[in-house]
Amino acid sequence: MRIAALLLVLSLGACVATPPYPSVPALRADPMPKPPVTAEQLLWQPGHWDWSGSGYVWAPGQYVPAAGHGGSWMPGWWSRVDGIWRWEPAHWVAG
């Protein structure tokens, strides 16, 4: 009986779940340069990590046209939908 209990405890210890994806790296320092002079209103889109399918790739910050973008920037994150992990890329949130 003691052997069975010991085997059960040892087998449960081997059931530690590890995330199916690597942690998102820390953000890089991404200085915001002066905006270009244009007639179009621009927003600074900060640099962020994107998932390439096999690892993270840094997308540097850039100025983008303000038209069509919300006022808030949402960094990328992992979500689990129907038991499948999916990368939600960084994007503008409609406001």
PDB file of N, CA and C in Angstrom:
ATOM      1  N   MET A   1       0.821  -1.192   0.000  1.00  0.00           N
ATOM      2  CA  MET A   1       0.000   0.000   0.000  1.00  0.00           C
ATOM      3  C   MET A   1       0.865   1.256   0.000  1.00  0.00           C
ATOM      4  N   ARG A   2       1.929   1.238   0.801  1.00  0.00           N
ATOM      5  CA  ARG A   2       2.812   2.400   0.856  1.00  0.00           C
ATOM      6  C   ARG A   2       3.513   2.620  -0.479  1.00  0.00           C
ATOM      7  N   ILE A   3       3.861   1.556  -1.140  1.00  0.00           N
ATOM      8  CA  ILE A   3       4.534   1.679  -2.435  1.00  0.00           C
ATOM      9  C   ILE A   3       3.591   2.315  -3.446  1.00  0.00           C
ATOM     10  N   ALA A   4       2.329   1.901  -3.429  1.00  0.00           N
ATOM     11  CA  ALA A   4       1.344   2.480  -4.354  1.00  0.00           C
ATOM     12  C   ALA A   4       1.158   3.966  -4.085  1.00  0.00           C
ATOM     13  N   ALA A   5       1.106   4.355  -2.809  1.00  0.00           N
ATOM     14  CA  ALA A   5       0.954   5.765  -2.464  1.00  0.00           C
ATOM     15  C   ALA A   5       2.185   6.553  -2.904  1.00  0.00           C
ATOM     16  N   LEU A   6       3.371   5.995  -2.721  1.00  0.00           N
ATOM     17  CA  LEU A   6       4.600   6.658  -3.144  1.00  0.00           C
ATOM     18  C   LEU A   6       4.633   6.826  -4.662  1.00  0.00           C
ATOM     19  N   LEU A   7       4.231   5.802  -5.390  1.00  0.00           N
ATOM     20  CA  LEU A   7       4.195   5.895  -6.850  1.00  0.00           C
ATOM     21  C   LEU A   7       3.193   6.952  -7.309  1.00  0.00           C
ATOM     22  N   LEU A   8       2.062   7.045  -6.625  1.00  0.00           N
ATOM     23  CA  LEU A   8       1.064   8.055  -6.963  1.00  0.00           C
ATOM     24  C   LEU A   8       1.617   9.457  -6.756  1.00  0.00           C
ATOM     25  N   VAL A   9       2.284   9.694  -5.628  1.00  0.00           N
ATOM     26  CA  VAL A   9       2.859  11.010  -5.340  1.00  0.00           C
ATOM     27  C   VAL A   9       3.930  11.356  -6.367  1.00  0.00           C
ATOM     28  N   LEU A  10       4.776  10.406  -6.707  1.00  0.00           N
ATOM     29  CA  LEU A  10       5.824  10.664  -7.691  1.00  0.00           C
ATOM     30  C   LEU A  10       5.249  10.929  -9.074  1.00  0.00           C
ATOM     31  N   SER A  11       4.200  10.219  -9.439  1.00  0.00           N
ATOM     32  CA  SER A  11       3.605  10.433 -10.762  1.00  0.00           C
ATOM     33  C   SER A  11       2.908  11.793 -10.845  1.00  0.00           C
ATOM     34  N   LEU A  12       2.303  12.248  -9.746  1.00  0.00           N
ATOM     35  CA  LEU A  12       1.671  13.565  -9.733  1.00  0.00           C
ATOM     36  C   LEU A  12       2.705  14.675  -9.837  1.00  0.00           C
ATOM     37  N   GLY A  13       3.869  14.464  -9.267  1.00  0.00           N
ATOM     38  CA  GLY A  13       4.944  15.444  -9.350  1.00  0.00           C
ATOM     39  C   GLY A  13       5.433  15.627 -10.774  1.00  0.00           C
ATOM     40  N   ALA A  14       5.302  14.607 -11.605  1.00  0.00           N
ATOM     41  CA  ALA A  14       5.724  14.695 -13.002  1.00  0.00           C
ATOM     42  C   ALA A  14       4.678  15.383 -13.870  1.00  0.00           C
ATOM     43  N   CYS A  15       3.521  15.723 -13.332  1.00  0.00           N
ATOM     44  CA  CYS A  15       2.432  16.327 -14.103  1.00  0.00           C
ATOM     45  C   CYS A  15       2.460  17.854 -14.075  1.00  0.00           C
ATOM     46  N   VAL A  16       3.602  18.429 -13.811  1.00  0.00           N
ATOM     47  CA  VAL A  16       3.698  19.889 -13.780  1.00  0.00           C
ATOM     48  C   VAL A  16       3.522  20.404 -15.199  1.00  0.00           C
ATOM     49  N   ALA A  17       2.546  21.272 -15.391  1.00  0.00           N
ATOM     50  CA  ALA A  17       2.261  21.805 -16.719  1.00  0.00           C
ATOM     51  C   ALA A  17       3.187  22.977 -17.015  1.00  0.00           C
ATOM     52  N   THR A  18       3.767  22.962 -18.191  1.00  0.00           N
ATOM     53  CA  THR A  18       4.584  24.081 -18.632  1.00  0.00           C
ATOM     54  C   THR A  18       3.844  24.793 -19.750  1.00  0.00           C
ATOM     55  N   PRO A  19       3.986  26.107 -19.835  1.00  0.00           N
ATOM     56  CA  PRO A  19       3.294  26.830 -20.894  1.00  0.00           C
ATOM     57  C   PRO A  19       3.742  26.330 -22.270  1.00  0.00           C
ATOM     58  N   PRO A  20       2.832  26.308 -23.235  1.00  0.00           N
ATOM     59  CA  PRO A  20       3.179  25.808 -24.565  1.00  0.00           C
ATOM     60  C   PRO A  20       3.911  26.838 -25.412  1.00  0.00           C
ATOM     61  N   TYR A  21       4.253  27.972 -24.833  1.00  0.00           N
ATOM     62  CA  TYR A  21       4.902  29.043 -25.571  1.00  0.00           C
ATOM     63  C   TYR A  21       5.903  29.744 -24.661  1.00  0.00           C
ATOM     64  N   PRO A  22       6.909  30.385 -25.232  1.00  0.00           N
ATOM     65  CA  PRO A  22       7.855  31.129 -24.390  1.00  0.00           C
ATOM     66  C   PRO A  22       7.241  32.441 -23.916  1.00  0.00           C
ATOM     67  N   SER A  23       7.722  32.943 -22.809  1.00  0.00           N
ATOM     68  CA  SER A  23       7.252  34.224 -22.286  1.00  0.00           C
ATOM     69  C   SER A  23       7.623  35.340 -23.250  1.00  0.00           C
ATOM     70  N   VAL A  24       6.789  36.356 -23.291  1.00  0.00           N
ATOM     71  CA  VAL A  24       7.077  37.520 -24.123  1.00  0.00           C
ATOM     72  C   VAL A  24       8.277  38.242 -23.516  1.00  0.00           C
ATOM     73  N   PRO A  25       9.292  38.565 -24.327  1.00  0.00           N
ATOM     74  CA  PRO A  25      10.460  39.268 -23.783  1.00  0.00           C
ATOM     75  C   PRO A  25      10.090  40.651 -23.251  1.00  0.00           C
ATOM     76  N   ALA A  26      10.959  41.200 -22.455  1.00  0.00           N
ATOM     77  CA  ALA A  26      10.756  42.558 -21.938  1.00  0.00           C
ATOM     78  C   ALA A  26      10.815  43.550 -23.098  1.00  0.00           C
ATOM     79  N   LEU A  27      10.060  44.631 -22.966  1.00  0.00           N
ATOM     80  CA  LEU A  27      10.071  45.654 -24.003  1.00  0.00           C
ATOM     81  C   LEU A  27      11.456  46.272 -24.110  1.00  0.00           C
ATOM     82  N   ARG A  28      11.803  46.681 -25.305  1.00  0.00           N
ATOM     83  CA  ARG A  28      13.069  47.370 -25.537  1.00  0.00           C
ATOM     84  C   ARG A  28      12.855  48.868 -25.381  1.00  0.00           C
ATOM     85  N   ALA A  29      13.925  49.566 -25.083  1.00  0.00           N
ATOM     86  CA  ALA A  29      13.859  51.030 -25.100  1.00  0.00           C
ATOM     87  C   ALA A  29      13.669  51.433 -26.561  1.00  0.00           C
ATOM     88  N   ASP A  30      12.629  52.168 -26.828  1.00  0.00           N
ATOM     89  CA  ASP A  30      12.294  52.536 -28.198  1.00  0.00           C
ATOM     90  C   ASP A  30      12.037  54.038 -28.236  1.00  0.00           C
ATOM     91  N   PRO A  31      13.115  54.847 -28.365  1.00  0.00           N
ATOM     92  CA  PRO A  31      12.929  56.299 -28.307  1.00  0.00           C
ATOM     93  C   PRO A  31      12.045  56.791 -29.452  1.00  0.00           C
ATOM     94  N   MET A  32      11.210  57.768 -29.133  1.00  0.00           N
ATOM     95  CA  MET A  32      10.306  58.336 -30.118  1.00  0.00           C
ATOM     96  C   MET A  32      10.994  59.530 -30.784  1.00  0.00           C
ATOM     97  N   PRO A  33      11.325  59.404 -32.085  1.00  0.00           N
ATOM     98  CA  PRO A  33      11.956  60.528 -32.767  1.00  0.00           C
ATOM     99  C   PRO A  33      10.926  61.620 -33.060  1.00  0.00           C
ATOM    100  N   LYS A  34      11.405  62.771 -33.494  1.00  0.00           N
ATOM    101  CA  LYS A  34      10.493  63.833 -33.893  1.00  0.00           C
ATOM    102  C   LYS A  34       9.672  63.337 -35.080  1.00  0.00           C
ATOM    103  N   PRO A  35       8.392  63.685 -35.119  1.00  0.00           N
ATOM    104  CA  PRO A  35       7.566  63.213 -36.238  1.00  0.00           C
ATOM    105  C   PRO A  35       7.956  63.903 -37.543  1.00  0.00           C
ATOM    106  N   PRO A  36       7.741  63.206 -38.661  1.00  0.00           N
ATOM    107  CA  PRO A  36       7.997  63.856 -39.940  1.00  0.00           C
ATOM    108  C   PRO A  36       6.978  64.974 -40.168  1.00  0.00           C
ATOM    109  N   VAL A  37       7.346  65.923 -40.965  1.00  0.00           N
ATOM    110  CA  VAL A  37       6.440  67.030 -41.282  1.00  0.00           C
ATOM    111  C   VAL A  37       5.546  66.588 -42.439  1.00  0.00           C
ATOM    112  N   THR A  38       4.249  66.450 -42.146  1.00  0.00           N
ATOM    113  CA  THR A  38       3.278  66.062 -43.174  1.00  0.00           C
ATOM    114  C   THR A  38       1.975  66.805 -42.905  1.00  0.00           C
ATOM    115  N   ALA A  39       1.116  66.836 -43.912  1.00  0.00           N
ATOM    116  CA  ALA A  39      -0.208  67.430 -43.738  1.00  0.00           C
ATOM    117  C   ALA A  39      -1.128  66.461 -42.997  1.00  0.00           C
ATOM    118  N   GLU A  40      -0.777  65.192 -43.002  1.00  0.00           N
ATOM    119  CA  GLU A  40      -1.585  64.149 -42.360  1.00  0.00           C
ATOM    120  C   GLU A  40      -1.221  64.041 -40.881  1.00  0.00           C
ATOM    121  N   GLN A  41      -2.242  63.909 -40.018  1.00  0.00           N
ATOM    122  CA  GLN A  41      -1.980  63.728 -38.584  1.00  0.00           C
ATOM    123  C   GLN A  41      -1.417  62.330 -38.363  1.00  0.00           C
ATOM    124  N   LEU A  42      -0.376  62.235 -37.545  1.00  0.00           N
ATOM    125  CA  LEU A  42       0.288  60.957 -37.282  1.00  0.00           C
ATOM    126  C   LEU A  42       0.229  60.623 -35.799  1.00  0.00           C
ATOM    127  N   LEU A  43       0.270  59.322 -35.512  1.00  0.00           N
ATOM    128  CA  LEU A  43       0.365  58.804 -34.139  1.00  0.00           C
ATOM    129  C   LEU A  43       1.628  57.962 -34.047  1.00  0.00           C
ATOM    130  N   TRP A  44       2.250  57.982 -32.880  1.00  0.00           N
ATOM    131  CA  TRP A  44       3.408  57.117 -32.647  1.00  0.00           C
ATOM    132  C   TRP A  44       2.904  55.737 -32.247  1.00  0.00           C
ATOM    133  N   GLN A  45       3.291  54.745 -33.029  1.00  0.00           N
ATOM    134  CA  GLN A  45       2.982  53.347 -32.707  1.00  0.00           C
ATOM    135  C   GLN A  45       4.230  52.780 -32.055  1.00  0.00           C
ATOM    136  N   PRO A  46       4.168  52.434 -30.764  1.00  0.00           N
ATOM    137  CA  PRO A  46       5.382  51.985 -30.078  1.00  0.00           C
ATOM    138  C   PRO A  46       5.891  50.653 -30.623  1.00  0.00           C
ATOM    139  N   GLY A  47       7.188  50.433 -30.411  1.00  0.00           N
ATOM    140  CA  GLY A  47       7.765  49.149 -30.788  1.00  0.00           C
ATOM    141  C   GLY A  47       7.140  48.035 -29.954  1.00  0.00           C
ATOM    142  N   HIS A  48       7.102  46.833 -30.517  1.00  0.00           N
ATOM    143  CA  HIS A  48       6.466  45.712 -29.820  1.00  0.00           C
ATOM    144  C   HIS A  48       7.009  44.394 -30.361  1.00  0.00           C
ATOM    145  N   TRP A  49       6.793  43.336 -29.596  1.00  0.00           N
ATOM    146  CA  TRP A  49       7.189  41.998 -30.012  1.00  0.00           C
ATOM    147  C   TRP A  49       6.057  41.367 -30.804  1.00  0.00           C
ATOM    148  N   ASP A  50       6.380  40.761 -31.933  1.00  0.00           N
ATOM    149  CA  ASP A  50       5.430  39.979 -32.737  1.00  0.00           C
ATOM    150  C   ASP A  50       5.897  38.532 -32.738  1.00  0.00           C
ATOM    151  N   TRP A  51       4.962  37.616 -32.806  1.00  0.00           N
ATOM    152  CA  TRP A  51       5.269  36.186 -32.870  1.00  0.00           C
ATOM    153  C   TRP A  51       5.420  35.797 -34.332  1.00  0.00           C
ATOM    154  N   SER A  52       6.531  35.181 -34.689  1.00  0.00           N
ATOM    155  CA  SER A  52       6.793  34.805 -36.084  1.00  0.00           C
ATOM    156  C   SER A  52       6.346  33.377 -36.397  1.00  0.00           C
ATOM    157  N   GLY A  53       5.862  32.673 -35.400  1.00  0.00           N
ATOM    158  CA  GLY A  53       5.508  31.267 -35.582  1.00  0.00           C
ATOM    159  C   GLY A  53       6.531  30.354 -34.926  1.00  0.00           C
ATOM    160  N   SER A  54       7.751  30.876 -34.746  1.00  0.00           N
ATOM    161  CA  SER A  54       8.786  30.078 -34.093  1.00  0.00           C
ATOM    162  C   SER A  54       9.531  30.874 -33.025  1.00  0.00           C
ATOM    163  N   GLY A  55       9.244  32.157 -32.921  1.00  0.00           N
ATOM    164  CA  GLY A  55       9.903  32.993 -31.925  1.00  0.00           C
ATOM    165  C   GLY A  55       9.403  34.425 -32.040  1.00  0.00           C
ATOM    166  N   TYR A  56       9.877  35.269 -31.134  1.00  0.00           N
ATOM    167  CA  TYR A  56       9.476  36.668 -31.132  1.00  0.00           C
ATOM    168  C   TYR A  56      10.417  37.485 -32.007  1.00  0.00           C
ATOM    169  N   VAL A  57       9.842  38.458 -32.709  1.00  0.00           N
ATOM    170  CA  VAL A  57      10.593  39.366 -33.561  1.00  0.00           C
ATOM    171  C   VAL A  57      10.218  40.785 -33.153  1.00  0.00           C
ATOM    172  N   TRP A  58      11.226  41.639 -32.957  1.00  0.00           N
ATOM    173  CA  TRP A  58      10.959  43.010 -32.548  1.00  0.00           C
ATOM    174  C   TRP A  58      10.515  43.836 -33.758  1.00  0.00           C
ATOM    175  N   ALA A  59       9.382  44.503 -33.628  1.00  0.00           N
ATOM    176  CA  ALA A  59       8.888  45.449 -34.632  1.00  0.00           C
ATOM    177  C   ALA A  59       9.145  46.844 -34.062  1.00  0.00           C
ATOM    178  N   PRO A  60      10.060  47.613 -34.646  1.00  0.00           N
ATOM    179  CA  PRO A  60      10.389  48.921 -34.083  1.00  0.00           C
ATOM    180  C   PRO A  60       9.226  49.897 -34.180  1.00  0.00           C
ATOM    181  N   GLY A  61       9.243  50.906 -33.301  1.00  0.00           N
ATOM    182  CA  GLY A  61       8.209  51.923 -33.311  1.00  0.00           C
ATOM    183  C   GLY A  61       8.243  52.725 -34.605  1.00  0.00           C
ATOM    184  N   GLN A  62       7.083  53.293 -34.931  1.00  0.00           N
ATOM    185  CA  GLN A  62       6.984  54.086 -36.156  1.00  0.00           C
ATOM    186  C   GLN A  62       5.790  55.025 -36.073  1.00  0.00           C
ATOM    187  N   TYR A  63       5.823  56.062 -36.873  1.00  0.00           N
ATOM    188  CA  TYR A  63       4.669  56.941 -36.981  1.00  0.00           C
ATOM    189  C   TYR A  63       3.721  56.357 -38.013  1.00  0.00           C
ATOM    190  N   VAL A  64       2.433  56.347 -37.686  1.00  0.00           N
ATOM    191  CA  VAL A  64       1.405  55.830 -38.593  1.00  0.00           C
ATOM    192  C   VAL A  64       0.310  56.882 -38.732  1.00  0.00           C
ATOM    193  N   PRO A  65      -0.431  56.856 -39.840  1.00  0.00           N
ATOM    194  CA  PRO A  65      -1.533  57.809 -39.992  1.00  0.00           C
ATOM    195  C   PRO A  65      -2.547  57.641 -38.861  1.00  0.00           C
ATOM    196  N   ALA A  66      -3.008  58.771 -38.301  1.00  0.00           N
ATOM    197  CA  ALA A  66      -3.957  58.722 -37.190  1.00  0.00           C
ATOM    198  C   ALA A  66      -5.334  58.239 -37.649  1.00  0.00           C
ATOM    199  N   ALA A  67      -5.683  58.508 -38.908  1.00  0.00           N
ATOM    200  CA  ALA A  67      -7.000  58.118 -39.421  1.00  0.00           C
ATOM    201  C   ALA A  67      -7.167  56.607 -39.344  1.00  0.00           C
ATOM    202  N   GLY A  68      -8.285  56.178 -38.782  1.00  0.00           N
ATOM    203  CA  GLY A  68      -8.588  54.750 -38.705  1.00  0.00           C
ATOM    204  C   GLY A  68      -8.024  54.048 -37.492  1.00  0.00           C
ATOM    205  N   HIS A  69      -7.289  54.755 -36.642  1.00  0.00           N
ATOM    206  CA  HIS A  69      -6.731  54.141 -35.438  1.00  0.00           C
ATOM    207  C   HIS A  69      -7.466  54.652 -34.209  1.00  0.00           C
ATOM    208  N   GLY A  70      -7.605  53.801 -33.227  1.00  0.00           N
ATOM    209  CA  GLY A  70      -8.178  54.226 -31.955  1.00  0.00           C
ATOM    210  C   GLY A  70      -7.141  55.000 -31.165  1.00  0.00           C
ATOM    211  N   GLY A  71      -7.506  55.394 -29.987  1.00  0.00           N
ATOM    212  CA  GLY A  71      -6.596  56.180 -29.179  1.00  0.00           C
ATOM    213  C   GLY A  71      -5.714  55.370 -28.253  1.00  0.00           C
ATOM    214  N   SER A  72      -5.898  54.059 -28.181  1.00  0.00           N
ATOM    215  CA  SER A  72      -5.128  53.235 -27.236  1.00  0.00           C
ATOM    216  C   SER A  72      -4.404  52.118 -27.971  1.00  0.00           C
ATOM    217  N   TRP A  73      -3.184  51.858 -27.558  1.00  0.00           N
ATOM    218  CA  TRP A  73      -2.356  50.793 -28.122  1.00  0.00           C
ATOM    219  C   TRP A  73      -2.394  49.597 -27.190  1.00  0.00           C
ATOM    220  N   MET A  74      -2.717  48.421 -27.711  1.00  0.00           N
ATOM    221  CA  MET A  74      -2.783  47.180 -26.932  1.00  0.00           C
ATOM    222  C   MET A  74      -1.610  46.289 -27.340  1.00  0.00           C
ATOM    223  N   PRO A  75      -0.692  45.993 -26.411  1.00  0.00           N
ATOM    224  CA  PRO A  75       0.412  45.095 -26.760  1.00  0.00           C
ATOM    225  C   PRO A  75      -0.094  43.680 -27.044  1.00  0.00           C
ATOM    226  N   GLY A  76       0.707  42.887 -27.733  1.00  0.00           N
ATOM    227  CA  GLY A  76       0.330  41.509 -28.043  1.00  0.00           C
ATOM    228  C   GLY A  76       0.284  40.634 -26.796  1.00  0.00           C
ATOM    229  N   TRP A  77      -0.491  39.552 -26.864  1.00  0.00           N
ATOM    230  CA  TRP A  77      -0.608  38.621 -25.740  1.00  0.00           C
ATOM    231  C   TRP A  77      -1.061  37.258 -26.248  1.00  0.00           C
ATOM    232  N   TRP A  78      -0.896  36.242 -25.398  1.00  0.00           N
ATOM    233  CA  TRP A  78      -1.362  34.893 -25.704  1.00  0.00           C
ATOM    234  C   TRP A  78      -2.750  34.698 -25.104  1.00  0.00           C
ATOM    235  N   SER A  79      -3.651  34.080 -25.865  1.00  0.00           N
ATOM    236  CA  SER A  79      -4.974  33.736 -25.337  1.00  0.00           C
ATOM    237  C   SER A  79      -5.239  32.270 -25.668  1.00  0.00           C
ATOM    238  N   ARG A  80      -6.091  31.676 -24.886  1.00  0.00           N
ATOM    239  CA  ARG A  80      -6.447  30.272 -25.112  1.00  0.00           C
ATOM    240  C   ARG A  80      -7.911  30.220 -25.519  1.00  0.00           C
ATOM    241  N   VAL A  81      -8.168  29.738 -26.734  1.00  0.00           N
ATOM    242  CA  VAL A  81      -9.516  29.652 -27.280  1.00  0.00           C
ATOM    243  C   VAL A  81      -9.779  28.198 -27.662  1.00  0.00           C
ATOM    244  N   ASP A  82     -10.814  27.617 -27.058  1.00  0.00           N
ATOM    245  CA  ASP A  82     -11.177  26.210 -27.324  1.00  0.00           C
ATOM    246  C   ASP A  82      -9.988  25.269 -27.138  1.00  0.00           C
ATOM    247  N   GLY A  83      -9.182  25.544 -26.100  1.00  0.00           N
ATOM    248  CA  GLY A  83      -8.054  24.671 -25.778  1.00  0.00           C
ATOM    249  C   GLY A  83      -6.832  24.880 -26.659  1.00  0.00           C
ATOM    250  N   ILE A  84      -6.863  25.875 -27.536  1.00  0.00           N
ATOM    251  CA  ILE A  84      -5.732  26.126 -28.436  1.00  0.00           C
ATOM    252  C   ILE A  84      -5.148  27.495 -28.102  1.00  0.00           C
ATOM    253  N   TRP A  85      -3.821  27.550 -27.936  1.00  0.00           N
ATOM    254  CA  TRP A  85      -3.153  28.822 -27.668  1.00  0.00           C
ATOM    255  C   TRP A  85      -3.024  29.596 -28.965  1.00  0.00           C
ATOM    256  N   ARG A  86      -3.352  30.902 -28.902  1.00  0.00           N
ATOM    257  CA  ARG A  86      -3.306  31.748 -30.084  1.00  0.00           C
ATOM    258  C   ARG A  86      -2.663  33.085 -29.716  1.00  0.00           C
ATOM    259  N   TRP A  87      -1.754  33.556 -30.570  1.00  0.00           N
ATOM    260  CA  TRP A  87      -1.114  34.844 -30.367  1.00  0.00           C
ATOM    261  C   TRP A  87      -2.033  35.944 -30.874  1.00  0.00           C
ATOM    262  N   GLU A  88      -2.328  36.902 -30.011  1.00  0.00           N
ATOM    263  CA  GLU A  88      -3.127  38.078 -30.385  1.00  0.00           C
ATOM    264  C   GLU A  88      -2.118  39.207 -30.618  1.00  0.00           C
ATOM    265  N   PRO A  89      -1.918  39.607 -31.862  1.00  0.00           N
ATOM    266  CA  PRO A  89      -0.897  40.621 -32.130  1.00  0.00           C
ATOM    267  C   PRO A  89      -1.244  41.979 -31.544  1.00  0.00           C
ATOM    268  N   ALA A  90      -0.221  42.780 -31.362  1.00  0.00           N
ATOM    269  CA  ALA A  90      -0.415  44.150 -30.882  1.00  0.00           C
ATOM    270  C   ALA A  90      -1.271  44.896 -31.891  1.00  0.00           C
ATOM    271  N   HIS A  91      -2.122  45.805 -31.375  1.00  0.00           N
ATOM    272  CA  HIS A  91      -3.025  46.516 -32.285  1.00  0.00           C
ATOM    273  C   HIS A  91      -3.601  47.760 -31.609  1.00  0.00           C
ATOM    274  N   TRP A  92      -4.222  48.603 -32.405  1.00  0.00           N
ATOM    275  CA  TRP A  92      -4.916  49.778 -31.910  1.00  0.00           C
ATOM    276  C   TRP A  92      -6.307  49.368 -31.456  1.00  0.00           C
ATOM    277  N   VAL A  93      -6.758  49.939 -30.357  1.00  0.00           N
ATOM    278  CA  VAL A  93      -8.096  49.661 -29.823  1.00  0.00           C
ATOM    279  C   VAL A  93      -8.993  50.822 -30.207  1.00  0.00           C
ATOM    280  N   ALA A  94     -10.123  50.481 -30.818  1.00  0.00           N
ATOM    281  CA  ALA A  94     -11.071  51.529 -31.216  1.00  0.00           C
ATOM    282  C   ALA A  94     -11.590  52.212 -29.963  1.00  0.00           C
ATOM    283  N   GLY A  95     -11.649  53.502 -29.998  1.00  0.00           N
ATOM    284  CA  GLY A  95     -12.061  54.221 -28.811  1.00  0.00           C
ATOM    285  C   GLY A  95     -13.158  55.096 -29.089  1.00  0.00           C
TER     286      GLY A  95
END
